[in-house]
Amino acid sequence: MKTYARVLLITFILLVFLAYPSTAFAKGLLDDQIIAGSNYSLASGETQDGSLIVFGGNVSIDNGAVVNGDIVIFGGNLDLSGEVNGSVIGLGSNSNLSATASISGDLVSLGGGFQRDPEAQILGQVITEGQLPLRVAIPSITIPEIQPGLPRLDYRANTPINIVLSIFWFLFRVFITAALAILVVLLFPKPTERTSQAIARQPMLSFLVGLLTLIVMPIILVVMSLTILLIPIAFIAAVLLAAILFYGWVSMGYFLGLRMMGMFKVGWAPAVAAGVGTFTLSFVAWLFSSAVPCVGWLLPWLLAMFGVGAVLITRVGTQTYLGTDLGASGGAQLPEEISQ
């Protein structure tokens, strides 16, 4: 596996399970550093022994500083003037390489941009969105002929391989949803905050509006699809409803992440709170849906109703809901530093 692919995988897993704000000290670092919601700087003459993974912060590597490992930065900015004995991976971030910058590995920039001085040294490849090395060499496999009369493989059976694949697919969906939640909060921090505030302050109203929407909208879409002229409009409306469902789910995850932040008395960055909360919400709700027969599917939909209603009463997060604040009478409150 390529270095940057390995680092990206480790980065995301650790950020979901171990995300917390940390203070990085420039000297004497013997292990990889994972920093969430904080900035990092390495002064001239200092050395970072190990990979540097920064989430939602800015990184500054001065001329004369050395990083003996990879740099992975998600949603921040990199100012590189020193030496990196590894690869530099930027996800939704901007990188600035000065004339004294040196990278012994690859420079990967996805969802962001980079500026490079002509004298900056990059010994590996410069990889952007259109240059991802996705081709995988698959060896030729000769499948032996199966004798007549042998039982055929049933992919629906609860064989060990099918169980493992089901678990992998479940975890993959949970991780992807959490990653998209992080991206949503990075791109739309204020709208997502407003929808989460609506869930906290008006949970009952959010639920009722979401319930009404999820009951009425499918009926309207079916009626519209019966008319040929309205089929395109019905398709667009269905896409918008799906987008509102997803955004509402992310808002619920963000709300849960903020509550977890208060419960554990930590200070996560908003994007980290959204990722952790959405991961927990998706894992629990979807696991319950799969484990409980007949009625298990109700839990994800009931939770989604809160988010859908909050999205609608805040007009997709563009306005703060000005109704009566129910926080003093039972509604949940967001942490002080977030709700202000």
C-alpha atoms as a PDB file:
ATOM      1  CA  MET A   1       0.000   0.000   0.000  1.00  0.00           C
ATOM      2  CA  LYS A   2       1.308   3.468  -0.845  1.00  0.00           C
ATOM      3  CA  THR A   3       2.524   5.606   2.039  1.00  0.00           C
ATOM      4  CA  TYR A   4      -0.182   8.226   1.647  1.00  0.00           C
ATOM      5  CA  ALA A   5      -2.944   5.609   1.456  1.00  0.00           C
ATOM      6  CA  ARG A   6      -1.723   4.018   4.698  1.00  0.00           C
ATOM      7  CA  VAL A   7      -1.495   7.375   6.450  1.00  0.00           C
ATOM      8  CA  LEU A   8      -4.967   8.428   5.307  1.00  0.00           C
ATOM      9  CA  LEU A   9      -6.510   5.229   6.626  1.00  0.00           C
ATOM     10  CA  ILE A  10      -4.744   5.498   9.989  1.00  0.00           C
ATOM     11  CA  THR A  11      -5.627   9.188  10.209  1.00  0.00           C
ATOM     12  CA  PHE A  12      -9.348   8.714   9.827  1.00  0.00           C
ATOM     13  CA  ILE A  13      -9.611   5.757  12.189  1.00  0.00           C
ATOM     14  CA  LEU A  14      -7.639   7.495  14.928  1.00  0.00           C
ATOM     15  CA  LEU A  15      -9.538  10.751  14.548  1.00  0.00           C
ATOM     16  CA  VAL A  16     -12.853   9.010  15.016  1.00  0.00           C
ATOM     17  CA  PHE A  17     -11.841   7.007  18.071  1.00  0.00           C
ATOM     18  CA  LEU A  18      -9.157   9.165  19.682  1.00  0.00           C
ATOM     19  CA  ALA A  19     -10.120  12.677  18.624  1.00  0.00           C
ATOM     20  CA  TYR A  20      -9.289  15.219  21.276  1.00  0.00           C
ATOM     21  CA  PRO A  21      -7.455  18.547  21.327  1.00  0.00           C
ATOM     22  CA  SER A  22      -3.809  18.089  22.087  1.00  0.00           C
ATOM     23  CA  THR A  23      -0.782  20.318  22.525  1.00  0.00           C
ATOM     24  CA  ALA A  24       2.180  19.388  20.349  1.00  0.00           C
ATOM     25  CA  PHE A  25       5.684  20.085  21.627  1.00  0.00           C
ATOM     26  CA  ALA A  26       8.306  20.546  18.965  1.00  0.00           C
ATOM     27  CA  LYS A  27      11.223  18.807  20.658  1.00  0.00           C
ATOM     28  CA  GLY A  28      11.662  15.220  21.650  1.00  0.00           C
ATOM     29  CA  LEU A  29       8.720  13.792  19.702  1.00  0.00           C
ATOM     30  CA  LEU A  30       9.349  10.093  19.183  1.00  0.00           C
ATOM     31  CA  ASP A  31       5.899   9.005  17.933  1.00  0.00           C
ATOM     32  CA  ASP A  32       3.351  10.120  15.394  1.00  0.00           C
ATOM     33  CA  GLN A  33       1.466  13.229  16.464  1.00  0.00           C
ATOM     34  CA  ILE A  34      -2.317  13.539  16.058  1.00  0.00           C
ATOM     35  CA  ILE A  35      -3.615  17.070  16.589  1.00  0.00           C
ATOM     36  CA  ALA A  36      -7.291  18.025  16.393  1.00  0.00           C
ATOM     37  CA  GLY A  37      -8.497  21.618  16.411  1.00  0.00           C
ATOM     38  CA  SER A  38      -5.089  23.122  17.218  1.00  0.00           C
ATOM     39  CA  ASN A  39      -2.242  24.696  15.273  1.00  0.00           C
ATOM     40  CA  TYR A  40       1.262  23.234  15.029  1.00  0.00           C
ATOM     41  CA  SER A  41       4.579  24.895  14.340  1.00  0.00           C
ATOM     42  CA  LEU A  42       8.101  23.536  14.077  1.00  0.00           C
ATOM     43  CA  ALA A  43      10.855  26.138  14.441  1.00  0.00           C
ATOM     44  CA  SER A  44      14.207  26.137  12.705  1.00  0.00           C
ATOM     45  CA  GLY A  45      16.581  23.534  14.128  1.00  0.00           C
ATOM     46  CA  GLU A  46      13.790  21.399  15.620  1.00  0.00           C
ATOM     47  CA  THR A  47      12.883  17.875  14.499  1.00  0.00           C
ATOM     48  CA  GLN A  48       9.641  15.925  14.468  1.00  0.00           C
ATOM     49  CA  ASP A  49      10.439  12.184  14.549  1.00  0.00           C
ATOM     50  CA  GLY A  50       7.252  10.584  13.275  1.00  0.00           C
ATOM     51  CA  SER A  51       4.306  11.423  11.094  1.00  0.00           C
ATOM     52  CA  LEU A  52       2.276  14.564  11.771  1.00  0.00           C
ATOM     53  CA  ILE A  53      -1.511  14.357  11.422  1.00  0.00           C
ATOM     54  CA  VAL A  54      -3.413  17.617  11.903  1.00  0.00           C
ATOM     55  CA  PHE A  55      -7.184  17.929  11.751  1.00  0.00           C
ATOM     56  CA  GLY A  56      -8.777  21.376  11.481  1.00  0.00           C
ATOM     57  CA  GLY A  57      -5.589  23.317  12.241  1.00  0.00           C
ATOM     58  CA  ASN A  58      -2.725  25.138  10.547  1.00  0.00           C
ATOM     59  CA  VAL A  59       0.811  23.784  10.225  1.00  0.00           C
ATOM     60  CA  SER A  60       3.986  25.818   9.902  1.00  0.00           C
ATOM     61  CA  ILE A  61       7.347  24.159   9.248  1.00  0.00           C
ATOM     62  CA  ASP A  62      10.129  26.756   9.270  1.00  0.00           C
ATOM     63  CA  ASN A  63      13.308  26.690   7.225  1.00  0.00           C
ATOM     64  CA  GLY A  64      15.790  24.392   8.949  1.00  0.00           C
ATOM     65  CA  ALA A  65      13.084  22.267  10.633  1.00  0.00           C
ATOM     66  CA  VAL A  66      12.827  18.570   9.761  1.00  0.00           C
ATOM     67  CA  VAL A  67       9.841  16.190   9.829  1.00  0.00           C
ATOM     68  CA  ASN A  68      10.944  12.548   9.698  1.00  0.00           C
ATOM     69  CA  GLY A  69       7.626  11.168   8.554  1.00  0.00           C
ATOM     70  CA  ASP A  70       4.507  12.106   6.627  1.00  0.00           C
ATOM     71  CA  ILE A  71       2.357  15.205   7.063  1.00  0.00           C
ATOM     72  CA  VAL A  72      -1.404  14.753   6.739  1.00  0.00           C
ATOM     73  CA  ILE A  73      -3.519  17.883   7.144  1.00  0.00           C
ATOM     74  CA  PHE A  74      -7.316  17.880   6.934  1.00  0.00           C
ATOM     75  CA  GLY A  75      -9.186  21.183   6.614  1.00  0.00           C
ATOM     76  CA  GLY A  76      -6.270  23.468   7.457  1.00  0.00           C
ATOM     77  CA  ASN A  77      -3.322  25.239   5.865  1.00  0.00           C
ATOM     78  CA  LEU A  78       0.289  24.174   5.500  1.00  0.00           C
ATOM     79  CA  ASP A  79       3.187  26.620   5.283  1.00  0.00           C
ATOM     80  CA  LEU A  80       6.245  24.543   4.473  1.00  0.00           C
ATOM     81  CA  SER A  81       9.756  25.970   4.373  1.00  0.00           C
ATOM     82  CA  GLY A  82      11.617  23.061   5.936  1.00  0.00           C
ATOM     83  CA  GLU A  83      12.292  19.426   5.087  1.00  0.00           C
ATOM     84  CA  VAL A  84       9.823  16.533   5.066  1.00  0.00           C
ATOM     85  CA  ASN A  85      11.285  13.038   4.861  1.00  0.00           C
ATOM     86  CA  GLY A  86       8.030  11.543   3.701  1.00  0.00           C
ATOM     87  CA  SER A  87       4.873  12.526   1.853  1.00  0.00           C
ATOM     88  CA  VAL A  88       2.599  15.542   2.304  1.00  0.00           C
ATOM     89  CA  ILE A  89      -1.139  14.874   2.023  1.00  0.00           C
ATOM     90  CA  GLY A  90      -3.642  17.746   2.060  1.00  0.00           C
ATOM     91  CA  LEU A  91      -7.382  17.023   2.266  1.00  0.00           C
ATOM     92  CA  GLY A  92      -9.534  20.104   1.848  1.00  0.00           C
ATOM     93  CA  SER A  93      -6.519  22.215   2.722  1.00  0.00           C
ATOM     94  CA  ASN A  94      -4.140  24.688   1.103  1.00  0.00           C
ATOM     95  CA  SER A  95      -0.378  24.160   0.999  1.00  0.00           C
ATOM     96  CA  ASN A  96       2.280  26.788   0.420  1.00  0.00           C
ATOM     97  CA  LEU A  97       5.776  25.538  -0.426  1.00  0.00           C
ATOM     98  CA  SER A  98       8.543  28.123  -0.235  1.00  0.00           C
ATOM     99  CA  ALA A  99      11.871  27.981  -2.082  1.00  0.00           C
ATOM    100  CA  THR A 100      13.560  26.107   0.779  1.00  0.00           C
ATOM    101  CA  ALA A 101      10.841  23.430   1.074  1.00  0.00           C
ATOM    102  CA  SER A 102      11.897  19.834   0.437  1.00  0.00           C
ATOM    103  CA  ILE A 103       9.638  16.747   0.233  1.00  0.00           C
ATOM    104  CA  SER A 104      11.242  13.357  -0.267  1.00  0.00           C
ATOM    105  CA  GLY A 105       7.918  11.645  -1.006  1.00  0.00           C
ATOM    106  CA  ASP A 106       4.713  12.619  -2.802  1.00  0.00           C
ATOM    107  CA  LEU A 107       2.642  15.772  -2.588  1.00  0.00           C
ATOM    108  CA  VAL A 108      -1.069  14.899  -2.572  1.00  0.00           C
ATOM    109  CA  SER A 109      -3.668  17.675  -2.742  1.00  0.00           C
ATOM    110  CA  LEU A 110      -7.345  16.653  -2.700  1.00  0.00           C
ATOM    111  CA  GLY A 111     -10.174  19.154  -2.342  1.00  0.00           C
ATOM    112  CA  GLY A 112      -7.815  22.076  -1.916  1.00  0.00           C
ATOM    113  CA  GLY A 113      -4.906  23.780  -3.601  1.00  0.00           C
ATOM    114  CA  PHE A 114      -1.192  24.383  -3.304  1.00  0.00           C
ATOM    115  CA  GLN A 115       1.345  26.998  -4.285  1.00  0.00           C
ATOM    116  CA  ARG A 116       4.863  25.891  -5.051  1.00  0.00           C
ATOM    117  CA  ASP A 117       7.955  27.999  -5.490  1.00  0.00           C
ATOM    118  CA  PRO A 118       9.906  26.838  -8.567  1.00  0.00           C
ATOM    119  CA  GLU A 119      12.891  26.058  -6.340  1.00  0.00           C
ATOM    120  CA  ALA A 120      10.908  23.857  -3.935  1.00  0.00           C
ATOM    121  CA  GLN A 121      11.986  20.207  -4.191  1.00  0.00           C
ATOM    122  CA  ILE A 122       9.489  17.349  -4.515  1.00  0.00           C
ATOM    123  CA  LEU A 123      11.207  14.043  -5.200  1.00  0.00           C
ATOM    124  CA  GLY A 124       7.980  12.063  -5.573  1.00  0.00           C
ATOM    125  CA  GLN A 125       4.813  12.688  -7.546  1.00  0.00           C
ATOM    126  CA  VAL A 126       2.427  15.633  -7.388  1.00  0.00           C
ATOM    127  CA  ILE A 127      -1.030  14.093  -7.177  1.00  0.00           C
ATOM    128  CA  THR A 128      -4.327  15.965  -7.492  1.00  0.00           C
ATOM    129  CA  GLU A 129      -7.938  14.814  -7.848  1.00  0.00           C
ATOM    130  CA  GLY A 130      -7.534  13.873 -11.493  1.00  0.00           C
ATOM    131  CA  GLN A 131      -4.327  11.922 -10.934  1.00  0.00           C
ATOM    132  CA  LEU A 132      -5.257   9.475  -8.183  1.00  0.00           C
ATOM    133  CA  PRO A 133      -3.525   6.145  -8.651  1.00  0.00           C
ATOM    134  CA  LEU A 134      -6.631   3.983  -8.486  1.00  0.00           C
ATOM    135  CA  ARG A 135      -5.530   1.221 -10.822  1.00  0.00           C
ATOM    136  CA  VAL A 136      -4.865  -2.042  -9.045  1.00  0.00           C
ATOM    137  CA  ALA A 137      -3.086  -4.963 -10.671  1.00  0.00           C
ATOM    138  CA  ILE A 138      -5.300  -8.022 -10.303  1.00  0.00           C
ATOM    139  CA  PRO A 139      -3.513 -11.339 -10.866  1.00  0.00           C
ATOM    140  CA  SER A 140      -4.978 -13.863 -13.233  1.00  0.00           C
ATOM    141  CA  ILE A 141      -6.830 -16.621 -11.372  1.00  0.00           C
ATOM    142  CA  THR A 142      -7.764 -19.952 -12.917  1.00  0.00           C
ATOM    143  CA  ILE A 143     -11.001 -21.247 -11.468  1.00  0.00           C
ATOM    144  CA  PRO A 144     -11.162 -25.058 -11.477  1.00  0.00           C
ATOM    145  CA  GLU A 145     -14.150 -26.675 -13.082  1.00  0.00           C
ATOM    146  CA  ILE A 146     -16.822 -27.644 -10.604  1.00  0.00           C
ATOM    147  CA  GLN A 147     -18.073 -31.179 -10.949  1.00  0.00           C
ATOM    148  CA  PRO A 148     -21.780 -31.613 -11.595  1.00  0.00           C
ATOM    149  CA  GLY A 149     -23.778 -32.419  -8.530  1.00  0.00           C
ATOM    150  CA  LEU A 150     -21.747 -30.295  -6.090  1.00  0.00           C
ATOM    151  CA  PRO A 151     -23.788 -27.675  -4.178  1.00  0.00           C
ATOM    152  CA  ARG A 152     -23.543 -24.169  -5.599  1.00  0.00           C
ATOM    153  CA  LEU A 153     -22.405 -21.270  -3.484  1.00  0.00           C
ATOM    154  CA  ASP A 154     -25.289 -19.333  -1.935  1.00  0.00           C
ATOM    155  CA  TYR A 155     -24.228 -15.738  -1.325  1.00  0.00           C
ATOM    156  CA  ARG A 156     -27.243 -15.234   0.928  1.00  0.00           C
ATOM    157  CA  ALA A 157     -26.139 -17.958   3.346  1.00  0.00           C
ATOM    158  CA  ASN A 158     -24.607 -17.060   6.691  1.00  0.00           C
ATOM    159  CA  THR A 159     -21.189 -18.343   5.782  1.00  0.00           C
ATOM    160  CA  PRO A 160     -18.116 -16.924   7.582  1.00  0.00           C
ATOM    161  CA  ILE A 161     -17.017 -14.989   4.512  1.00  0.00           C
ATOM    162  CA  ASN A 162     -20.478 -13.445   4.067  1.00  0.00           C
ATOM    163  CA  ILE A 163     -20.622 -12.454   7.724  1.00  0.00           C
ATOM    164  CA  VAL A 164     -17.201 -10.799   7.495  1.00  0.00           C
ATOM    165  CA  LEU A 165     -18.224  -8.951   4.317  1.00  0.00           C
ATOM    166  CA  SER A 166     -21.446  -7.768   5.962  1.00  0.00           C
ATOM    167  CA  ILE A 167     -19.552  -6.420   8.967  1.00  0.00           C
ATOM    168  CA  PHE A 168     -17.039  -4.719   6.692  1.00  0.00           C
ATOM    169  CA  TRP A 169     -19.805  -3.105   4.613  1.00  0.00           C
ATOM    170  CA  PHE A 170     -21.597  -1.929   7.750  1.00  0.00           C
ATOM    171  CA  LEU A 171     -18.453  -0.298   9.173  1.00  0.00           C
ATOM    172  CA  PHE A 172     -17.587   1.172   5.794  1.00  0.00           C
ATOM    173  CA  ARG A 173     -20.967   2.916   5.579  1.00  0.00           C
ATOM    174  CA  VAL A 174     -20.610   4.253   9.123  1.00  0.00           C
ATOM    175  CA  PHE A 175     -17.100   5.606   8.446  1.00  0.00           C
ATOM    176  CA  ILE A 176     -18.125   7.212   5.154  1.00  0.00           C
ATOM    177  CA  THR A 177     -21.127   8.890   6.778  1.00  0.00           C
ATOM    178  CA  ALA A 178     -18.921  10.248   9.576  1.00  0.00           C
ATOM    179  CA  ALA A 179     -16.364  11.487   7.039  1.00  0.00           C
ATOM    180  CA  LEU A 180     -19.077  13.283   5.060  1.00  0.00           C
ATOM    181  CA  ALA A 181     -20.373  14.828   8.285  1.00  0.00           C
ATOM    182  CA  ILE A 182     -16.900  16.222   8.966  1.00  0.00           C
ATOM    183  CA  LEU A 183     -16.805  17.661   5.462  1.00  0.00           C
ATOM    184  CA  VAL A 184     -20.268  19.230   5.842  1.00  0.00           C
ATOM    185  CA  VAL A 185     -19.303  21.003   9.064  1.00  0.00           C
ATOM    186  CA  LEU A 186     -16.039  22.198   7.547  1.00  0.00           C
ATOM    187  CA  LEU A 187     -17.926  23.674   4.571  1.00  0.00           C
ATOM    188  CA  PHE A 188     -21.061  24.881   6.386  1.00  0.00           C
ATOM    189  CA  PRO A 189     -20.199  25.409  10.060  1.00  0.00           C
ATOM    190  CA  LYS A 190     -22.786  28.091  10.891  1.00  0.00           C
ATOM    191  CA  PRO A 191     -25.811  26.479   9.152  1.00  0.00           C
ATOM    192  CA  THR A 192     -25.074  23.148  10.843  1.00  0.00           C
ATOM    193  CA  GLU A 193     -24.722  24.908  14.189  1.00  0.00           C
ATOM    194  CA  ARG A 194     -28.135  26.571  13.702  1.00  0.00           C
ATOM    195  CA  THR A 195     -29.863  23.267  12.910  1.00  0.00           C
ATOM    196  CA  SER A 196     -28.267  21.658  15.964  1.00  0.00           C
ATOM    197  CA  GLN A 197     -29.447  24.571  18.101  1.00  0.00           C
ATOM    198  CA  ALA A 198     -32.968  24.005  16.787  1.00  0.00           C
ATOM    199  CA  ILE A 199     -32.808  20.346  17.818  1.00  0.00           C
ATOM    200  CA  ALA A 200     -31.577  21.343  21.277  1.00  0.00           C
ATOM    201  CA  ARG A 201     -34.102  24.140  21.860  1.00  0.00           C
ATOM    202  CA  GLN A 202     -37.149  22.816  20.005  1.00  0.00           C
ATOM    203  CA  PRO A 203     -36.935  19.007  19.997  1.00  0.00           C
ATOM    204  CA  MET A 204     -40.689  18.423  19.919  1.00  0.00           C
ATOM    205  CA  LEU A 205     -41.349  20.938  17.150  1.00  0.00           C
ATOM    206  CA  SER A 206     -38.446  19.535  15.133  1.00  0.00           C
ATOM    207  CA  PHE A 207     -39.813  16.017  15.526  1.00  0.00           C
ATOM    208  CA  LEU A 208     -43.369  16.962  14.534  1.00  0.00           C
ATOM    209  CA  VAL A 209     -42.255  18.916  11.467  1.00  0.00           C
ATOM    210  CA  GLY A 210     -39.954  16.064  10.450  1.00  0.00           C
ATOM    211  CA  LEU A 211     -42.703  13.487  10.983  1.00  0.00           C
ATOM    212  CA  LEU A 212     -45.179  15.461   8.889  1.00  0.00           C
ATOM    213  CA  THR A 213     -42.604  15.967   6.128  1.00  0.00           C
ATOM    214  CA  LEU A 214     -41.657  12.299   5.910  1.00  0.00           C
ATOM    215  CA  ILE A 215     -45.313  11.294   5.775  1.00  0.00           C
ATOM    216  CA  VAL A 216     -46.573  13.871   3.293  1.00  0.00           C
ATOM    217  CA  MET A 217     -43.634  14.212   0.904  1.00  0.00           C
ATOM    218  CA  PRO A 218     -43.574  10.568  -0.297  1.00  0.00           C
ATOM    219  CA  ILE A 219     -47.290  10.810  -1.073  1.00  0.00           C
ATOM    220  CA  ILE A 220     -46.766  14.021  -3.029  1.00  0.00           C
ATOM    221  CA  LEU A 221     -43.865  12.492  -4.950  1.00  0.00           C
ATOM    222  CA  VAL A 222     -45.926   9.451  -5.913  1.00  0.00           C
ATOM    223  CA  VAL A 223     -48.806  11.642  -7.112  1.00  0.00           C
ATOM    224  CA  MET A 224     -46.437  13.857  -9.109  1.00  0.00           C
ATOM    225  CA  SER A 225     -44.769  10.861 -10.735  1.00  0.00           C
ATOM    226  CA  LEU A 226     -48.135   9.748 -12.142  1.00  0.00           C
ATOM    227  CA  THR A 227     -48.085  12.749 -14.486  1.00  0.00           C
ATOM    228  CA  ILE A 228     -45.450  12.622 -17.221  1.00  0.00           C
ATOM    229  CA  LEU A 229     -44.867  16.369 -17.189  1.00  0.00           C
ATOM    230  CA  LEU A 230     -44.227  16.363 -13.448  1.00  0.00           C
ATOM    231  CA  ILE A 231     -41.812  13.413 -13.388  1.00  0.00           C
ATOM    232  CA  PRO A 232     -38.706  15.648 -13.716  1.00  0.00           C
ATOM    233  CA  ILE A 233     -39.972  17.870 -10.899  1.00  0.00           C
ATOM    234  CA  ALA A 234     -40.714  14.801  -8.792  1.00  0.00           C
ATOM    235  CA  PHE A 235     -37.171  13.552  -9.391  1.00  0.00           C
ATOM    236  CA  ILE A 236     -35.661  16.881  -8.330  1.00  0.00           C
ATOM    237  CA  ALA A 237     -37.902  16.975  -5.259  1.00  0.00           C
ATOM    238  CA  ALA A 238     -36.827  13.436  -4.338  1.00  0.00           C
ATOM    239  CA  VAL A 239     -33.173  14.423  -4.590  1.00  0.00           C
ATOM    240  CA  LEU A 240     -33.789  17.481  -2.408  1.00  0.00           C
ATOM    241  CA  LEU A 241     -35.630  15.354   0.150  1.00  0.00           C
ATOM    242  CA  ALA A 242     -32.708  12.923   0.250  1.00  0.00           C
ATOM    243  CA  ALA A 243     -30.302  15.844   0.740  1.00  0.00           C
ATOM    244  CA  ILE A 244     -32.444  17.210   3.590  1.00  0.00           C
ATOM    245  CA  LEU A 245     -32.524  13.740   5.164  1.00  0.00           C
ATOM    246  CA  PHE A 246     -28.744  13.479   5.056  1.00  0.00           C
ATOM    247  CA  TYR A 247     -28.198  17.029   6.308  1.00  0.00           C
ATOM    248  CA  GLY A 248     -30.663  16.410   9.121  1.00  0.00           C
ATOM    249  CA  TRP A 249     -28.799  13.229  10.054  1.00  0.00           C
ATOM    250  CA  VAL A 250     -25.509  15.139  10.145  1.00  0.00           C
ATOM    251  CA  SER A 251     -27.134  17.820  12.310  1.00  0.00           C
ATOM    252  CA  MET A 252     -28.331  15.126  14.715  1.00  0.00           C
ATOM    253  CA  GLY A 253     -24.826  13.703  14.767  1.00  0.00           C
ATOM    254  CA  TYR A 254     -23.366  17.156  15.428  1.00  0.00           C
ATOM    255  CA  PHE A 255     -25.846  17.682  18.269  1.00  0.00           C
ATOM    256  CA  LEU A 256     -24.895  14.300  19.747  1.00  0.00           C
ATOM    257  CA  GLY A 257     -21.195  15.124  19.384  1.00  0.00           C
ATOM    258  CA  LEU A 258     -21.679  18.374  21.305  1.00  0.00           C
ATOM    259  CA  ARG A 259     -23.513  16.526  24.084  1.00  0.00           C
ATOM    260  CA  MET A 260     -20.705  13.951  24.224  1.00  0.00           C
ATOM    261  CA  MET A 261     -18.213  16.815  24.379  1.00  0.00           C
ATOM    262  CA  GLY A 262     -19.987  18.202  27.448  1.00  0.00           C
ATOM    263  CA  MET A 263     -20.359  14.756  28.984  1.00  0.00           C
ATOM    264  CA  PHE A 264     -16.658  13.905  28.709  1.00  0.00           C
ATOM    265  CA  LYS A 265     -15.575  17.496  29.450  1.00  0.00           C
ATOM    266  CA  VAL A 266     -13.375  17.808  26.366  1.00  0.00           C
ATOM    267  CA  GLY A 267     -12.978  20.584  23.797  1.00  0.00           C
ATOM    268  CA  TRP A 268     -13.329  19.066  20.354  1.00  0.00           C
ATOM    269  CA  ALA A 269     -13.314  21.225  17.254  1.00  0.00           C
ATOM    270  CA  PRO A 270     -16.784  21.438  15.605  1.00  0.00           C
ATOM    271  CA  ALA A 271     -15.760  19.161  12.728  1.00  0.00           C
ATOM    272  CA  VAL A 272     -14.399  16.556  15.144  1.00  0.00           C
ATOM    273  CA  ALA A 273     -17.584  16.723  17.232  1.00  0.00           C
ATOM    274  CA  ALA A 274     -19.647  16.182  14.076  1.00  0.00           C
ATOM    275  CA  GLY A 275     -17.525  13.208  13.018  1.00  0.00           C
ATOM    276  CA  VAL A 276     -17.576  11.505  16.409  1.00  0.00           C
ATOM    277  CA  GLY A 277     -21.276  12.212  16.958  1.00  0.00           C
ATOM    278  CA  THR A 278     -22.354  11.060  13.504  1.00  0.00           C
ATOM    279  CA  PHE A 279     -20.214   7.931  13.801  1.00  0.00           C
ATOM    280  CA  THR A 280     -21.830   7.085  17.161  1.00  0.00           C
ATOM    281  CA  LEU A 281     -25.334   7.921  15.948  1.00  0.00           C
ATOM    282  CA  SER A 282     -25.004   5.875  12.749  1.00  0.00           C
ATOM    283  CA  PHE A 283     -23.344   2.927  14.464  1.00  0.00           C
ATOM    284  CA  VAL A 284     -25.956   2.617  17.213  1.00  0.00           C
ATOM    285  CA  ALA A 285     -29.031   3.331  15.063  1.00  0.00           C
ATOM    286  CA  TRP A 286     -28.046   1.084  12.167  1.00  0.00           C
ATOM    287  CA  LEU A 287     -26.872  -1.709  14.465  1.00  0.00           C
ATOM    288  CA  PHE A 288     -30.209  -1.562  16.286  1.00  0.00           C
ATOM    289  CA  SER A 289     -32.008  -1.609  12.937  1.00  0.00           C
ATOM    290  CA  SER A 290     -30.126  -4.736  11.858  1.00  0.00           C
ATOM    291  CA  ALA A 291     -30.291  -6.560  15.190  1.00  0.00           C
ATOM    292  CA  VAL A 292     -33.948  -6.014  16.093  1.00  0.00           C
ATOM    293  CA  PRO A 293     -36.369  -7.708  13.692  1.00  0.00           C
ATOM    294  CA  CYS A 294     -39.578  -6.130  12.398  1.00  0.00           C
ATOM    295  CA  VAL A 295     -39.404  -2.842  14.336  1.00  0.00           C
ATOM    296  CA  GLY A 296     -35.668  -2.117  14.376  1.00  0.00           C
ATOM    297  CA  TRP A 297     -35.920   0.087  11.282  1.00  0.00           C
ATOM    298  CA  LEU A 298     -38.075   2.561  13.204  1.00  0.00           C
ATOM    299  CA  LEU A 299     -35.218   3.925  15.312  1.00  0.00           C
ATOM    300  CA  PRO A 300     -33.171   5.467  12.459  1.00  0.00           C
ATOM    301  CA  TRP A 301     -36.284   7.056  10.996  1.00  0.00           C
ATOM    302  CA  LEU A 302     -37.437   8.437  14.343  1.00  0.00           C
ATOM    303  CA  LEU A 303     -34.007   9.981  14.887  1.00  0.00           C
ATOM    304  CA  ALA A 304     -33.976  11.349  11.344  1.00  0.00           C
ATOM    305  CA  MET A 305     -37.260  13.153  11.970  1.00  0.00           C
ATOM    306  CA  PHE A 306     -35.600  15.433  14.533  1.00  0.00           C
ATOM    307  CA  GLY A 307     -32.938  16.421  12.025  1.00  0.00           C
ATOM    308  CA  VAL A 308     -35.324  16.912   9.095  1.00  0.00           C
ATOM    309  CA  GLY A 309     -37.597  19.121  11.169  1.00  0.00           C
ATOM    310  CA  ALA A 310     -34.669  21.206  12.414  1.00  0.00           C
ATOM    311  CA  VAL A 311     -33.409  21.683   8.859  1.00  0.00           C
ATOM    312  CA  LEU A 312     -36.814  22.930   7.724  1.00  0.00           C
ATOM    313  CA  ILE A 313     -37.607  25.275  10.626  1.00  0.00           C
ATOM    314  CA  THR A 314     -34.181  26.911  10.226  1.00  0.00           C
ATOM    315  CA  ARG A 315     -34.621  27.052   6.434  1.00  0.00           C
ATOM    316  CA  VAL A 316     -31.696  24.729   5.821  1.00  0.00           C
ATOM    317  CA  GLY A 317     -29.670  26.426   8.525  1.00  0.00           C
ATOM    318  CA  THR A 318     -29.804  29.877   6.945  1.00  0.00           C
ATOM    319  CA  GLN A 319     -31.770  31.374   9.842  1.00  0.00           C
ATOM    320  CA  THR A 320     -31.801  30.882  13.590  1.00  0.00           C
ATOM    321  CA  TYR A 321     -35.200  29.672  14.725  1.00  0.00           C
ATOM    322  CA  LEU A 322     -36.809  32.506  16.678  1.00  0.00           C
ATOM    323  CA  GLY A 323     -39.433  30.497  18.497  1.00  0.00           C
ATOM    324  CA  THR A 324     -39.663  30.163  22.262  1.00  0.00           C
ATOM    325  CA  ASP A 325     -36.461  28.785  23.767  1.00  0.00           C
ATOM    326  CA  LEU A 326     -37.438  25.523  25.453  1.00  0.00           C
ATOM    327  CA  GLY A 327     -34.052  25.051  27.091  1.00  0.00           C
ATOM    328  CA  ALA A 328     -35.290  26.141  30.518  1.00  0.00           C
ATOM    329  CA  SER A 329     -38.289  23.820  30.322  1.00  0.00           C
ATOM    330  CA  GLY A 330     -36.698  20.578  29.280  1.00  0.00           C
ATOM    331  CA  GLY A 331     -34.999  21.214  25.956  1.00  0.00           C
ATOM    332  CA  ALA A 332     -31.321  20.280  25.729  1.00  0.00           C
ATOM    333  CA  GLN A 333     -28.762  23.051  25.822  1.00  0.00           C
ATOM    334  CA  LEU A 334     -25.674  23.219  23.648  1.00  0.00           C
ATOM    335  CA  PRO A 335     -22.325  23.839  25.314  1.00  0.00           C
ATOM    336  CA  GLU A 336     -21.795  27.472  26.205  1.00  0.00           C
ATOM    337  CA  GLU A 337     -18.909  28.081  23.800  1.00  0.00           C
ATOM    338  CA  ILE A 338     -20.846  26.660  20.855  1.00  0.00           C
ATOM    339  CA  SER A 339     -24.246  28.229  21.386  1.00  0.00           C
ATOM    340  CA  GLN A 340     -22.991  31.785  21.649  1.00  0.00           C
END
